[in-house]
């Protein structure tokens, strides 16, 4: 075998994807959950900068629910990265 043929064979062998298709699906789900958490955290806008509404800024949704959803999304991402693909 020539040196060029060995190079081509090595390239073909090394072309396996890093993650399986299921892992990518779980990663996308984790990303969507994280984005939902950030969307839940949005709001509290006012036209008057001198008027502050603490009930909007410090609501249960923004202080408790949104960070919990974001952490849940990050945990889903960690699971997707660490999960071993099933053998076909």
PDB file of N, CA and C in Angstrom:
ATOM      1  N   UNK A   1       0.835  -1.188   0.000  1.00  0.00           N
ATOM      2  CA  UNK A   1       0.000   0.000   0.000  1.00  0.00           C
ATOM      3  C   UNK A   1       0.873   1.243   0.000  1.00  0.00           C
ATOM      4  N   UNK A   2       0.372   2.196  -0.697  1.00  0.00           N
ATOM      5  CA  UNK A   2       1.115   3.441  -0.736  1.00  0.00           C
ATOM      6  C   UNK A   2       0.767   4.292   0.489  1.00  0.00           C
ATOM      7  N   UNK A   3       1.568   5.284   0.704  1.00  0.00           N
ATOM      8  CA  UNK A   3       1.370   6.176   1.844  1.00  0.00           C
ATOM      9  C   UNK A   3       0.044   6.933   1.712  1.00  0.00           C
ATOM     10  N   UNK A   4      -0.315   7.289   0.488  1.00  0.00           N
ATOM     11  CA  UNK A   4      -1.559   8.033   0.250  1.00  0.00           C
ATOM     12  C   UNK A   4      -2.783   7.172   0.565  1.00  0.00           C
ATOM     13  N   UNK A   5      -2.758   5.887   0.246  1.00  0.00           N
ATOM     14  CA  UNK A   5      -3.870   4.987   0.535  1.00  0.00           C
ATOM     15  C   UNK A   5      -4.066   4.838   2.035  1.00  0.00           C
ATOM     16  N   UNK A   6      -2.979   4.704   2.774  1.00  0.00           N
ATOM     17  CA  UNK A   6      -3.076   4.608   4.229  1.00  0.00           C
ATOM     18  C   UNK A   6      -3.681   5.882   4.817  1.00  0.00           C
ATOM     19  N   UNK A   7      -3.308   7.007   4.258  1.00  0.00           N
ATOM     20  CA  UNK A   7      -3.835   8.298   4.717  1.00  0.00           C
ATOM     21  C   UNK A   7      -5.347   8.350   4.503  1.00  0.00           C
ATOM     22  N   UNK A   8      -5.827   7.895   3.346  1.00  0.00           N
ATOM     23  CA  UNK A   8      -7.255   7.901   3.033  1.00  0.00           C
ATOM     24  C   UNK A   8      -8.003   6.953   3.960  1.00  0.00           C
ATOM     25  N   UNK A   9      -7.467   5.754   4.196  1.00  0.00           N
ATOM     26  CA  UNK A   9      -8.102   4.786   5.083  1.00  0.00           C
ATOM     27  C   UNK A   9      -8.207   5.343   6.502  1.00  0.00           C
ATOM     28  N   UNK A  10      -7.183   6.001   6.969  1.00  0.00           N
ATOM     29  CA  UNK A  10      -7.197   6.574   8.311  1.00  0.00           C
ATOM     30  C   UNK A  10      -8.263   7.661   8.414  1.00  0.00           C
ATOM     31  N   UNK A  11      -8.411   8.455   7.373  1.00  0.00           N
ATOM     32  CA  UNK A  11      -9.416   9.512   7.361  1.00  0.00           C
ATOM     33  C   UNK A  11     -10.818   8.910   7.427  1.00  0.00           C
ATOM     34  N   UNK A  12     -11.057   7.841   6.705  1.00  0.00           N
ATOM     35  CA  UNK A  12     -12.369   7.201   6.704  1.00  0.00           C
ATOM     36  C   UNK A  12     -12.670   6.619   8.078  1.00  0.00           C
ATOM     37  N   UNK A  13     -11.717   6.022   8.718  1.00  0.00           N
ATOM     38  CA  UNK A  13     -11.917   5.422  10.034  1.00  0.00           C
ATOM     39  C   UNK A  13     -12.202   6.494  11.088  1.00  0.00           C
ATOM     40  N   UNK A  14     -11.573   7.642  11.007  1.00  0.00           N
ATOM     41  CA  UNK A  14     -11.721   8.698  12.000  1.00  0.00           C
ATOM     42  C   UNK A  14     -12.948   9.582  11.780  1.00  0.00           C
ATOM     43  N   UNK A  15     -13.791   9.281  10.796  1.00  0.00           N
ATOM     44  CA  UNK A  15     -14.907  10.160  10.474  1.00  0.00           C
ATOM     45  C   UNK A  15     -16.183   9.845  11.252  1.00  0.00           C
ATOM     46  N   UNK A  16     -16.102   9.103  12.335  1.00  0.00           N
ATOM     47  CA  UNK A  16     -17.276   8.803  13.159  1.00  0.00           C
ATOM     48  C   UNK A  16     -17.749  10.060  13.870  1.00  0.00           C
ATOM     49  N   UNK A  17     -19.072  10.246  13.984  1.00  0.00           N
ATOM     50  CA  UNK A  17     -19.572  11.425  14.691  1.00  0.00           C
ATOM     51  C   UNK A  17     -19.257  11.343  16.188  1.00  0.00           C
ATOM     52  N   UNK A  18     -19.181  12.495  16.808  1.00  0.00           N
ATOM     53  CA  UNK A  18     -18.847  12.548  18.229  1.00  0.00           C
ATOM     54  C   UNK A  18     -19.982  11.978  19.071  1.00  0.00           C
ATOM     55  N   UNK A  19     -21.222  12.331  18.732  1.00  0.00           N
ATOM     56  CA  UNK A  19     -22.386  11.862  19.472  1.00  0.00           C
ATOM     57  C   UNK A  19     -23.338  11.137  18.533  1.00  0.00           C
ATOM     58  N   UNK A  20     -24.198  10.318  19.114  1.00  0.00           N
ATOM     59  CA  UNK A  20     -25.219   9.635  18.330  1.00  0.00           C
ATOM     60  C   UNK A  20     -26.377  10.591  18.052  1.00  0.00           C
ATOM     61  N   UNK A  21     -27.246  10.185  17.150  1.00  0.00           N
ATOM     62  CA  UNK A  21     -28.389  11.020  16.770  1.00  0.00           C
ATOM     63  C   UNK A  21     -29.297  11.306  17.974  1.00  0.00           C
ATOM     64  N   UNK A  22     -29.499  10.320  18.828  1.00  0.00           N
ATOM     65  CA  UNK A  22     -30.336  10.508  20.017  1.00  0.00           C
ATOM     66  C   UNK A  22     -29.735  11.544  20.963  1.00  0.00           C
ATOM     67  N   UNK A  23     -28.419  11.542  21.083  1.00  0.00           N
ATOM     68  CA  UNK A  23     -27.756  12.521  21.939  1.00  0.00           C
ATOM     69  C   UNK A  23     -28.015  13.942  21.447  1.00  0.00           C
ATOM     70  N   UNK A  24     -27.964  14.130  20.132  1.00  0.00           N
ATOM     71  CA  UNK A  24     -28.220  15.458  19.578  1.00  0.00           C
ATOM     72  C   UNK A  24     -29.662  15.889  19.825  1.00  0.00           C
ATOM     73  N   UNK A  25     -30.600  14.949  19.742  1.00  0.00           N
ATOM     74  CA  UNK A  25     -32.002  15.271  20.018  1.00  0.00           C
ATOM     75  C   UNK A  25     -32.177  15.713  21.471  1.00  0.00           C
ATOM     76  N   UNK A  26     -31.514  15.022  22.377  1.00  0.00           N
ATOM     77  CA  UNK A  26     -31.611  15.384  23.794  1.00  0.00           C
ATOM     78  C   UNK A  26     -30.942  16.740  24.039  1.00  0.00           C
ATOM     79  N   UNK A  27     -29.839  17.025  23.338  1.00  0.00           N
ATOM     80  CA  UNK A  27     -29.179  18.327  23.467  1.00  0.00           C
ATOM     81  C   UNK A  27     -30.091  19.456  23.005  1.00  0.00           C
ATOM     82  N   UNK A  28     -30.795  19.232  21.903  1.00  0.00           N
ATOM     83  CA  UNK A  28     -31.721  20.254  21.410  1.00  0.00           C
ATOM     84  C   UNK A  28     -32.846  20.464  22.414  1.00  0.00           C
ATOM     85  N   UNK A  29     -33.338  19.387  23.022  1.00  0.00           N
ATOM     86  CA  UNK A  29     -34.384  19.513  24.034  1.00  0.00           C
ATOM     87  C   UNK A  29     -33.870  20.314  25.237  1.00  0.00           C
ATOM     88  N   UNK A  30     -32.642  20.055  25.660  1.00  0.00           N
ATOM     89  CA  UNK A  30     -32.053  20.810  26.765  1.00  0.00           C
ATOM     90  C   UNK A  30     -31.896  22.281  26.430  1.00  0.00           C
ATOM     91  N   UNK A  31     -31.523  22.566  25.195  1.00  0.00           N
ATOM     92  CA  UNK A  31     -31.395  23.955  24.752  1.00  0.00           C
ATOM     93  C   UNK A  31     -32.755  24.658  24.763  1.00  0.00           C
ATOM     94  N   UNK A  32     -33.780  23.965  24.301  1.00  0.00           N
ATOM     95  CA  UNK A  32     -35.131  24.538  24.301  1.00  0.00           C
ATOM     96  C   UNK A  32     -35.599  24.812  25.731  1.00  0.00           C
ATOM     97  N   UNK A  33     -35.354  23.886  26.645  1.00  0.00           N
ATOM     98  CA  UNK A  33     -35.739  24.084  28.047  1.00  0.00           C
ATOM     99  C   UNK A  33     -35.011  25.283  28.636  1.00  0.00           C
ATOM    100  N   UNK A  34     -33.735  25.424  28.344  1.00  0.00           N
ATOM    101  CA  UNK A  34     -32.957  26.561  28.847  1.00  0.00           C
ATOM    102  C   UNK A  34     -33.491  27.877  28.294  1.00  0.00           C
ATOM    103  N   UNK A  35     -33.818  27.915  27.012  1.00  0.00           N
ATOM    104  CA  UNK A  35     -34.369  29.131  26.406  1.00  0.00           C
ATOM    105  C   UNK A  35     -35.718  29.478  27.033  1.00  0.00           C
ATOM    106  N   UNK A  36     -36.536  28.472  27.301  1.00  0.00           N
ATOM    107  CA  UNK A  36     -37.816  28.718  27.972  1.00  0.00           C
ATOM    108  C   UNK A  36     -37.585  29.349  29.340  1.00  0.00           C
ATOM    109  N   UNK A  37     -36.570  28.871  30.070  1.00  0.00           N
ATOM    110  CA  UNK A  37     -36.237  29.454  31.366  1.00  0.00           C
ATOM    111  C   UNK A  37     -35.859  30.920  31.250  1.00  0.00           C
ATOM    112  N   UNK A  38     -35.067  31.258  30.241  1.00  0.00           N
ATOM    113  CA  UNK A  38     -34.696  32.667  30.050  1.00  0.00           C
ATOM    114  C   UNK A  38     -35.897  33.506  29.625  1.00  0.00           C
ATOM    115  N   UNK A  39     -36.794  32.938  28.835  1.00  0.00           N
ATOM    116  CA  UNK A  39     -37.998  33.663  28.455  1.00  0.00           C
ATOM    117  C   UNK A  39     -38.895  33.919  29.668  1.00  0.00           C
ATOM    118  N   UNK A  40     -38.942  32.960  30.588  1.00  0.00           N
ATOM    119  CA  UNK A  40     -39.713  33.158  31.813  1.00  0.00           C
ATOM    120  C   UNK A  40     -39.123  34.262  32.683  1.00  0.00           C
ATOM    121  N   UNK A  41     -37.839  34.476  32.575  1.00  0.00           N
ATOM    122  CA  UNK A  41     -37.167  35.486  33.388  1.00  0.00           C
ATOM    123  C   UNK A  41     -37.345  36.902  32.824  1.00  0.00           C
ATOM    124  N   UNK A  42     -37.747  37.003  31.568  1.00  0.00           N
ATOM    125  CA  UNK A  42     -37.890  38.312  30.932  1.00  0.00           C
ATOM    126  C   UNK A  42     -39.057  39.095  31.526  1.00  0.00           C
ATOM    127  N   UNK A  43     -39.012  40.400  31.324  1.00  0.00           N
ATOM    128  CA  UNK A  43     -40.138  41.245  31.706  1.00  0.00           C
ATOM    129  C   UNK A  43     -39.735  42.280  32.733  1.00  0.00           C
ATOM    130  N   UNK A  44     -40.744  42.924  33.293  1.00  0.00           N
ATOM    131  CA  UNK A  44     -40.499  43.953  34.294  1.00  0.00           C
ATOM    132  C   UNK A  44     -40.168  45.296  33.682  1.00  0.00           C
ATOM    133  N   UNK A  45     -40.479  45.458  32.380  1.00  0.00           N
ATOM    134  CA  UNK A  45     -40.163  46.706  31.688  1.00  0.00           C
ATOM    135  C   UNK A  45     -41.159  47.788  32.072  1.00  0.00           C
ATOM    136  N   UNK A  46     -40.673  49.003  32.205  1.00  0.00           N
ATOM    137  CA  UNK A  46     -41.530  50.147  32.464  1.00  0.00           C
ATOM    138  C   UNK A  46     -41.085  51.318  31.594  1.00  0.00           C
ATOM    139  N   UNK A  47     -42.055  52.133  31.179  1.00  0.00           N
ATOM    140  CA  UNK A  47     -41.742  53.301  30.353  1.00  0.00           C
ATOM    141  C   UNK A  47     -41.082  54.407  31.166  1.00  0.00           C
ATOM    142  N   UNK A  48     -41.400  54.459  32.436  1.00  0.00           N
ATOM    143  CA  UNK A  48     -40.878  55.511  33.308  1.00  0.00           C
ATOM    144  C   UNK A  48     -39.702  54.951  34.125  1.00  0.00           C
ATOM    145  N   UNK A  49     -38.472  55.414  33.880  1.00  0.00           N
ATOM    146  CA  UNK A  49     -37.326  54.882  34.622  1.00  0.00           C
ATOM    147  C   UNK A  49     -37.333  55.268  36.103  1.00  0.00           C
ATOM    148  N   UNK A  50     -38.147  56.220  36.490  1.00  0.00           N
ATOM    149  CA  UNK A  50     -38.216  56.629  37.893  1.00  0.00           C
ATOM    150  C   UNK A  50     -39.223  55.807  38.687  1.00  0.00           C
ATOM    151  N   UNK A  51     -39.990  54.972  38.011  1.00  0.00           N
ATOM    152  CA  UNK A  51     -41.002  54.163  38.683  1.00  0.00           C
ATOM    153  C   UNK A  51     -40.562  52.699  38.681  1.00  0.00           C
ATOM    154  N   UNK A  52     -40.442  52.122  39.863  1.00  0.00           N
ATOM    155  CA  UNK A  52     -39.972  50.743  40.028  1.00  0.00           C
ATOM    156  C   UNK A  52     -41.104  49.896  40.600  1.00  0.00           C
ATOM    157  N   UNK A  53     -41.390  48.755  39.948  1.00  0.00           N
ATOM    158  CA  UNK A  53     -42.443  47.858  40.417  1.00  0.00           C
ATOM    159  C   UNK A  53     -41.800  46.578  40.954  1.00  0.00           C
ATOM    160  N   UNK A  54     -41.565  46.512  42.257  1.00  0.00           N
ATOM    161  CA  UNK A  54     -40.899  45.320  42.805  1.00  0.00           C
ATOM    162  C   UNK A  54     -41.732  44.052  42.660  1.00  0.00           C
ATOM    163  N   UNK A  55     -43.061  44.162  42.615  1.00  0.00           N
ATOM    164  CA  UNK A  55     -43.891  42.962  42.466  1.00  0.00           C
ATOM    165  C   UNK A  55     -43.711  42.311  41.097  1.00  0.00           C
ATOM    166  N   UNK A  56     -43.302  43.079  40.104  1.00  0.00           N
ATOM    167  CA  UNK A  56     -43.029  42.502  38.782  1.00  0.00           C
ATOM    168  C   UNK A  56     -41.618  41.927  38.698  1.00  0.00           C
ATOM    169  N   UNK A  57     -40.666  42.662  39.227  1.00  0.00           N
ATOM    170  CA  UNK A  57     -39.269  42.228  39.132  1.00  0.00           C
ATOM    171  C   UNK A  57     -38.998  41.038  40.050  1.00  0.00           C
ATOM    172  N   UNK A  58     -39.542  41.070  41.251  1.00  0.00           N
ATOM    173  CA  UNK A  58     -39.275  40.015  42.228  1.00  0.00           C
ATOM    174  C   UNK A  58     -40.439  39.039  42.325  1.00  0.00           C
ATOM    175  N   UNK A  59     -41.036  38.696  41.211  1.00  0.00           N
ATOM    176  CA  UNK A  59     -42.150  37.752  41.225  1.00  0.00           C
ATOM    177  C   UNK A  59     -41.625  36.320  41.385  1.00  0.00           C
ATOM    178  N   UNK A  60     -42.521  35.443  41.812  1.00  0.00           N
ATOM    179  CA  UNK A  60     -42.175  34.032  42.012  1.00  0.00           C
ATOM    180  C   UNK A  60     -41.666  33.404  40.716  1.00  0.00           C
ATOM    181  N   UNK A  61     -42.261  33.808  39.599  1.00  0.00           N
ATOM    182  CA  UNK A  61     -41.862  33.255  38.303  1.00  0.00           C
ATOM    183  C   UNK A  61     -40.420  33.606  37.980  1.00  0.00           C
ATOM    184  N   UNK A  62     -40.009  34.854  38.220  1.00  0.00           N
ATOM    185  CA  UNK A  62     -38.658  35.288  37.850  1.00  0.00           C
ATOM    186  C   UNK A  62     -37.594  34.868  38.856  1.00  0.00           C
ATOM    187  N   UNK A  63     -37.960  34.754  40.110  1.00  0.00           N
ATOM    188  CA  UNK A  63     -36.973  34.450  41.153  1.00  0.00           C
ATOM    189  C   UNK A  63     -36.819  32.946  41.383  1.00  0.00           C
ATOM    190  N   UNK A  64     -37.901  32.179  41.208  1.00  0.00           N
ATOM    191  CA  UNK A  64     -37.847  30.758  41.541  1.00  0.00           C
ATOM    192  C   UNK A  64     -38.018  29.855  40.318  1.00  0.00           C
ATOM    193  N   UNK A  65     -39.076  30.063  39.565  1.00  0.00           N
ATOM    194  CA  UNK A  65     -39.398  29.144  38.470  1.00  0.00           C
ATOM    195  C   UNK A  65     -38.362  29.227  37.346  1.00  0.00           C
ATOM    196  N   UNK A  66     -38.049  30.423  36.895  1.00  0.00           N
ATOM    197  CA  UNK A  66     -37.124  30.576  35.760  1.00  0.00           C
ATOM    198  C   UNK A  66     -35.738  29.986  36.036  1.00  0.00           C
ATOM    199  N   UNK A  67     -35.100  30.308  37.166  1.00  0.00           N
ATOM    200  CA  UNK A  67     -33.785  29.681  37.421  1.00  0.00           C
ATOM    201  C   UNK A  67     -33.862  28.160  37.549  1.00  0.00           C
ATOM    202  N   UNK A  68     -34.957  27.650  38.099  1.00  0.00           N
ATOM    203  CA  UNK A  68     -35.119  26.201  38.216  1.00  0.00           C
ATOM    204  C   UNK A  68     -35.221  25.559  36.834  1.00  0.00           C
ATOM    205  N   UNK A  69     -35.962  26.189  35.933  1.00  0.00           N
ATOM    206  CA  UNK A  69     -36.099  25.663  34.564  1.00  0.00           C
ATOM    207  C   UNK A  69     -34.754  25.726  33.838  1.00  0.00           C
ATOM    208  N   UNK A  70     -33.994  26.792  34.050  1.00  0.00           N
ATOM    209  CA  UNK A  70     -32.678  26.917  33.410  1.00  0.00           C
ATOM    210  C   UNK A  70     -31.734  25.817  33.904  1.00  0.00           C
ATOM    211  N   UNK A  71     -31.709  25.581  35.201  1.00  0.00           N
ATOM    212  CA  UNK A  71     -30.851  24.521  35.750  1.00  0.00           C
ATOM    213  C   UNK A  71     -31.305  23.159  35.228  1.00  0.00           C
ATOM    214  N   UNK A  72     -32.613  22.953  35.110  1.00  0.00           N
ATOM    215  CA  UNK A  72     -33.113  21.703  34.558  1.00  0.00           C
ATOM    216  C   UNK A  72     -32.634  21.514  33.120  1.00  0.00           C
ATOM    217  N   UNK A  73     -32.662  22.587  32.332  1.00  0.00           N
ATOM    218  CA  UNK A  73     -32.159  22.514  30.962  1.00  0.00           C
ATOM    219  C   UNK A  73     -30.676  22.190  30.907  1.00  0.00           C
ATOM    220  N   UNK A  74     -29.905  22.764  31.813  1.00  0.00           N
ATOM    221  CA  UNK A  74     -28.470  22.464  31.854  1.00  0.00           C
ATOM    222  C   UNK A  74     -28.210  21.023  32.278  1.00  0.00           C
ATOM    223  N   UNK A  75     -29.025  20.497  33.179  1.00  0.00           N
ATOM    224  CA  UNK A  75     -28.886  19.094  33.579  1.00  0.00           C
ATOM    225  C   UNK A  75     -29.220  18.163  32.418  1.00  0.00           C
ATOM    226  N   UNK A  76     -30.206  18.527  31.622  1.00  0.00           N
ATOM    227  CA  UNK A  76     -30.530  17.734  30.425  1.00  0.00           C
ATOM    228  C   UNK A  76     -29.353  17.758  29.455  1.00  0.00           C
ATOM    229  N   UNK A  77     -28.705  18.901  29.317  1.00  0.00           N
ATOM    230  CA  UNK A  77     -27.522  19.002  28.446  1.00  0.00           C
ATOM    231  C   UNK A  77     -26.391  18.089  28.955  1.00  0.00           C
ATOM    232  N   UNK A  78     -26.159  18.098  30.244  1.00  0.00           N
ATOM    233  CA  UNK A  78     -25.105  17.248  30.824  1.00  0.00           C
ATOM    234  C   UNK A  78     -25.434  15.779  30.574  1.00  0.00           C
ATOM    235  N   UNK A  79     -26.699  15.415  30.766  1.00  0.00           N
ATOM    236  CA  UNK A  79     -27.116  14.032  30.513  1.00  0.00           C
ATOM    237  C   UNK A  79     -26.873  13.650  29.047  1.00  0.00           C
ATOM    238  N   UNK A  80     -27.215  14.569  28.132  1.00  0.00           N
ATOM    239  CA  UNK A  80     -27.045  14.277  26.704  1.00  0.00           C
ATOM    240  C   UNK A  80     -25.579  14.085  26.346  1.00  0.00           C
ATOM    241  N   UNK A  81     -24.706  14.834  26.973  1.00  0.00           N
ATOM    242  CA  UNK A  81     -23.270  14.714  26.684  1.00  0.00           C
ATOM    243  C   UNK A  81     -22.705  13.424  27.278  1.00  0.00           C
ATOM    244  N   UNK A  82     -23.133  13.068  28.482  1.00  0.00           N
ATOM    245  CA  UNK A  82     -22.566  11.908  29.170  1.00  0.00           C
ATOM    246  C   UNK A  82     -23.190  10.580  28.742  1.00  0.00           C
ATOM    247  N   UNK A  83     -24.339  10.611  28.119  1.00  0.00           N
ATOM    248  CA  UNK A  83     -25.063   9.395  27.751  1.00  0.00           C
ATOM    249  C   UNK A  83     -24.297   8.624  26.679  1.00  0.00           C
ATOM    250  N   UNK A  84     -24.165   7.322  26.916  1.00  0.00           N
ATOM    251  CA  UNK A  84     -23.513   6.465  25.923  1.00  0.00           C
ATOM    252  C   UNK A  84     -24.561   6.026  24.900  1.00  0.00           C
ATOM    253  N   UNK A  85     -24.207   6.073  23.624  1.00  0.00           N
ATOM    254  CA  UNK A  85     -25.182   5.666  22.602  1.00  0.00           C
ATOM    255  C   UNK A  85     -25.455   4.161  22.670  1.00  0.00           C
ATOM    256  N   UNK A  86     -26.681   3.807  22.350  1.00  0.00           N
ATOM    257  CA  UNK A  86     -27.053   2.387  22.331  1.00  0.00           C
ATOM    258  C   UNK A  86     -26.492   1.749  21.076  1.00  0.00           C
ATOM    259  N   UNK A  87     -26.048   0.522  21.213  1.00  0.00           N
ATOM    260  CA  UNK A  87     -25.507  -0.231  20.067  1.00  0.00           C
ATOM    261  C   UNK A  87     -26.662  -0.675  19.180  1.00  0.00           C
ATOM    262  N   UNK A  88     -26.515  -0.483  17.898  1.00  0.00           N
ATOM    263  CA  UNK A  88     -27.596  -0.845  16.954  1.00  0.00           C
ATOM    264  C   UNK A  88     -27.575  -2.310  16.620  1.00  0.00           C
TER     265      UNK A  88
END
